[in-house]
Amino acid sequence: MMFPINRSHVSIPCDDVAISGMLCQPEGAIGVVVCINGSTASRIKPPSDYVGGVLHMARLATLWLDAAGLDDCRHGRAENPAFPPVRRLQASFDWLRRNAATDDLPLALLASGHLAAAALRLASAGTGDISAMVLRSARLQLPEPGLANITAPTLLIAGGLDDGSVGATRGAFAALRCKKRFEVVPGATHAFEEPGSLEVVARLARGWFLQHTRFVLA
């Protein structure tokens, strides 16, 4: 079932930057998924994003963040939760809690590529108010600190042909002590561009969020 969707560009101040984002909120939304994509171009995902569309049909709002406003990972500054991009991701969660349209909705997190490390570090700090988390094509440098401290149910997804992600994701999965699941999509590469592979990712993410996030159905 399709729900009317309110789309708005947002600007979230943190440090010396303004993090650009797009909030897509279906009518009667039951939660918000914060989305950060570090696996392709570091721009906001378009409204026609396939995974976002699947989430919207499940009455899950999305806040896509422009990775350019978060991305200090490549410069080695994300080891400590006090530094970006972890702090800037936290600022985005804080903004959702202050925003009248989202302040009472459960928050979840969808991250990919090298920004998955920021997601893990925010979750391990216990300050992100994360109800559930999905990480796709994660680029991690093991050992990742604090994995055993994460309590949010976590789904890890890797493409079967993505050698740069499968091994590290398997190692992270072993270190997690929360409710967890590891899915390898056969025949998929890092970007999940193969026919049918992105559909699998969208279905897995939707199911995980609906099952493990504290949504209240109206």
Protein backbone atom coordinates (compact mmCIF):
# COMPACT_ATOMS: atom_id res chain seq x y z
CA MET A 1 0.00 0.00 0.00
CA MET A 2 1.32 3.44 -0.93
CA PHE A 3 1.15 6.26 1.63
CA PRO A 4 1.45 9.99 0.84
CA ILE A 5 5.04 11.03 1.54
CA ASN A 6 6.18 14.41 2.78
CA ARG A 7 9.71 15.17 1.54
CA SER A 8 11.83 18.00 2.89
CA HIS A 9 15.47 19.04 2.72
CA VAL A 10 16.99 19.64 6.14
CA SER A 11 20.19 21.17 7.48
CA ILE A 12 21.60 19.90 10.78
CA PRO A 13 24.31 22.03 12.43
CA CYS A 14 27.22 20.32 14.15
CA ASP A 15 30.72 21.61 14.80
CA ASP A 16 31.72 23.86 11.91
CA VAL A 17 29.53 22.16 9.31
CA ALA A 18 25.87 21.90 8.36
CA ILE A 19 24.89 18.33 7.56
CA SER A 20 22.49 18.22 4.62
CA GLY A 21 19.75 15.63 4.59
CA MET A 22 16.43 14.63 3.07
CA LEU A 23 13.61 13.59 5.38
CA CYS A 24 10.98 11.44 3.64
CA GLN A 25 8.05 10.81 5.94
CA PRO A 26 5.06 8.70 4.86
CA GLU A 27 1.70 9.54 6.34
CA GLY A 28 1.26 7.76 9.67
CA ALA A 29 4.97 6.91 9.96
CA ILE A 30 5.76 4.43 12.72
CA GLY A 31 9.49 5.09 12.92
CA VAL A 32 12.48 6.78 11.27
CA VAL A 33 15.48 5.06 9.67
CA VAL A 34 18.61 7.23 9.52
CA CYS A 35 20.48 6.29 6.33
CA ILE A 36 24.18 6.90 5.62
CA ASN A 37 25.79 5.58 2.47
CA GLY A 38 29.56 5.38 2.32
CA SER A 39 29.79 2.83 -0.47
CA THR A 40 29.14 5.03 -3.52
CA ALA A 41 29.04 8.76 -4.20
CA SER A 42 28.79 10.79 -1.01
CA ARG A 43 25.55 12.56 -1.85
CA ILE A 44 22.02 12.40 -0.50
CA LYS A 45 20.05 9.51 -1.93
CA PRO A 46 17.32 10.60 -4.38
CA PRO A 47 13.65 10.26 -3.41
CA SER A 48 13.36 7.40 -5.90
CA ASP A 49 15.89 5.27 -4.00
CA TYR A 50 14.65 1.67 -4.15
CA VAL A 51 15.43 0.62 -0.57
CA GLY A 52 13.91 3.85 0.73
CA GLY A 53 10.75 3.19 -1.27
CA VAL A 54 10.37 -0.25 0.26
CA LEU A 55 10.77 1.21 3.75
CA HIS A 56 8.24 3.94 3.01
CA MET A 57 5.64 1.36 1.98
CA ALA A 58 6.11 -0.17 5.44
CA ARG A 59 5.38 3.27 6.96
CA LEU A 60 9.03 3.84 7.88
CA ALA A 61 10.32 7.36 7.35
CA THR A 62 13.90 7.84 6.15
CA LEU A 63 16.44 10.55 6.87
CA TRP A 64 19.14 10.32 4.20
CA LEU A 65 22.28 12.17 5.26
CA ASP A 66 24.82 13.63 2.85
CA ALA A 67 27.97 11.67 3.61
CA ALA A 68 30.08 14.67 2.63
CA GLY A 69 29.00 16.32 5.88
CA LEU A 70 29.91 13.25 7.93
CA ASP A 71 32.90 11.78 6.22
CA ASP A 72 36.09 12.20 8.17
CA CYS A 73 36.46 8.41 8.30
CA ARG A 74 38.95 8.44 5.44
CA HIS A 75 41.24 10.67 7.47
CA GLY A 76 41.41 8.37 10.48
CA ARG A 77 39.44 10.58 12.88
CA ALA A 78 36.61 8.20 13.77
CA GLU A 79 38.38 6.06 16.36
CA ASN A 80 36.92 8.03 19.26
CA PRO A 81 33.15 8.70 19.56
CA ALA A 82 34.05 12.30 20.45
CA PHE A 83 35.25 12.96 16.87
CA PRO A 84 33.39 13.15 13.54
CA PRO A 85 31.69 11.42 11.87
CA VAL A 86 30.36 9.72 15.02
CA ARG A 87 29.56 13.01 16.75
CA ARG A 88 27.85 14.36 13.63
CA LEU A 89 25.77 11.22 13.31
CA GLN A 90 24.78 11.68 16.95
CA ALA A 91 23.80 15.28 16.16
CA SER A 92 21.41 13.95 13.50
CA PHE A 93 19.72 11.67 16.04
CA ASP A 94 19.47 14.60 18.45
CA TRP A 95 17.89 16.71 15.70
CA LEU A 96 15.22 14.05 15.10
CA ARG A 97 14.43 14.09 18.81
CA ARG A 98 13.96 17.88 18.69
CA ASN A 99 11.92 17.86 15.48
CA ALA A 100 8.18 17.98 16.22
CA ALA A 101 7.37 15.60 13.34
CA THR A 102 9.70 12.86 14.60
CA ASP A 103 10.32 13.48 18.30
CA ASP A 104 8.19 10.55 19.52
CA LEU A 105 9.12 8.00 16.83
CA PRO A 106 11.56 5.09 17.32
CA LEU A 107 14.87 5.58 15.51
CA ALA A 108 16.81 2.98 13.54
CA LEU A 109 20.00 3.12 11.47
CA LEU A 110 20.93 1.87 7.98
CA ALA A 111 24.60 2.28 7.03
CA SER A 112 26.90 1.03 4.30
CA GLY A 113 30.53 1.06 3.22
CA HIS A 114 33.16 2.72 5.39
CA LEU A 115 30.50 4.73 7.26
CA ALA A 116 29.29 1.48 8.82
CA ALA A 117 32.20 1.90 11.26
CA ALA A 118 30.71 5.20 12.45
CA ALA A 119 27.37 3.47 12.98
CA LEU A 120 28.98 0.75 15.08
CA ARG A 121 30.89 3.25 17.20
CA LEU A 122 27.80 5.34 17.84
CA ALA A 123 25.86 2.22 18.84
CA SER A 124 28.68 1.02 21.09
CA ALA A 125 28.70 4.38 22.92
CA GLY A 126 25.08 3.79 23.90
CA THR A 127 24.04 7.39 23.22
CA GLY A 128 22.39 7.15 19.81
CA ASP A 129 18.91 5.97 20.85
CA ILE A 130 19.17 3.25 18.18
CA SER A 131 16.39 0.67 18.28
CA ALA A 132 17.74 -1.50 15.45
CA MET A 133 20.57 -1.38 12.93
CA VAL A 134 21.29 -2.75 9.44
CA LEU A 135 24.79 -2.58 7.95
CA ARG A 136 25.40 -3.37 4.27
CA SER A 137 28.74 -3.88 2.48
CA ALA A 138 30.56 -2.73 5.62
CA ARG A 139 34.18 -1.66 5.24
CA LEU A 140 35.60 -2.29 8.69
CA GLN A 141 39.08 -2.29 10.18
CA LEU A 142 39.09 -5.10 12.72
CA PRO A 143 39.20 -5.15 15.63
CA GLU A 144 36.43 -2.55 15.88
CA PRO A 145 36.29 -1.16 19.43
CA GLY A 146 33.23 -1.63 21.60
CA LEU A 147 31.37 -4.22 19.53
CA ALA A 148 30.55 -6.25 22.62
CA ASN A 149 28.85 -3.17 24.13
CA ILE A 150 26.25 -2.83 21.36
CA THR A 151 22.71 -3.70 22.47
CA ALA A 152 20.71 -2.69 19.36
CA PRO A 153 19.65 -5.72 17.28
CA THR A 154 22.04 -5.73 14.32
CA LEU A 155 21.68 -7.22 10.84
CA LEU A 156 24.86 -7.47 8.73
CA ILE A 157 24.52 -7.94 4.96
CA ALA A 158 27.35 -8.66 2.52
CA GLY A 159 27.52 -9.57 -1.14
CA GLY A 160 28.89 -13.03 -1.80
CA LEU A 161 31.34 -11.63 -4.38
CA ASP A 162 32.45 -8.71 -2.20
CA ASP A 163 35.73 -10.04 -0.84
CA GLY A 164 36.49 -6.71 0.84
CA SER A 165 33.42 -6.96 3.05
CA VAL A 166 32.63 -10.61 3.79
CA GLY A 167 35.65 -11.39 5.96
CA ALA A 168 35.50 -8.22 8.06
CA THR A 169 31.73 -8.51 8.44
CA ARG A 170 32.07 -12.09 9.63
CA GLY A 171 34.65 -10.97 12.19
CA ALA A 172 32.39 -8.17 13.44
CA PHE A 173 29.47 -10.59 13.66
CA ALA A 174 31.50 -12.91 15.89
CA ALA A 175 32.35 -10.04 18.26
CA LEU A 176 28.78 -8.78 18.66
CA ARG A 177 26.86 -9.89 21.76
CA CYS A 178 23.49 -8.37 20.85
CA LYS A 179 20.63 -9.92 18.90
CA LYS A 180 22.29 -10.38 15.52
CA ARG A 181 22.10 -11.93 12.07
CA PHE A 182 24.54 -12.22 9.17
CA GLU A 183 23.23 -12.59 5.61
CA VAL A 184 25.40 -13.19 2.54
CA VAL A 185 23.59 -12.49 -0.74
CA PRO A 186 24.92 -14.97 -3.35
CA GLY A 187 26.23 -13.46 -6.59
CA ALA A 188 26.13 -9.87 -5.30
CA THR A 189 29.05 -7.46 -5.41
CA HIS A 190 29.76 -4.44 -3.19
CA ALA A 191 27.14 -2.13 -4.77
CA PHE A 192 24.44 -4.84 -5.13
CA GLU A 193 23.87 -3.83 -8.75
CA GLU A 194 23.13 -7.37 -9.93
CA PRO A 195 19.49 -8.09 -10.87
CA GLY A 196 17.44 -8.91 -7.80
CA SER A 197 20.19 -8.32 -5.23
CA LEU A 198 19.02 -4.90 -4.05
CA GLU A 199 15.52 -6.27 -3.69
CA VAL A 200 16.91 -8.86 -1.27
CA VAL A 201 18.66 -6.12 0.74
CA ALA A 202 15.46 -4.05 0.92
CA ARG A 203 13.38 -7.02 2.03
CA LEU A 204 15.88 -8.04 4.70
CA ALA A 205 16.19 -4.48 6.04
CA ARG A 206 12.44 -3.91 6.14
CA GLY A 207 11.85 -7.19 7.96
CA TRP A 208 14.59 -6.52 10.50
CA PHE A 209 13.37 -3.03 11.32
CA LEU A 210 9.76 -4.12 11.67
CA GLN A 211 10.67 -7.11 13.81
CA HIS A 212 13.18 -5.52 16.17
CA THR A 213 12.33 -1.84 16.45
CA ARG A 214 9.84 -0.73 19.08
CA PHE A 215 7.22 0.53 16.65
CA VAL A 216 3.68 1.32 17.75
CA LEU A 217 1.19 0.56 15.01
CA ALA A 218 -1.65 3.05 14.79
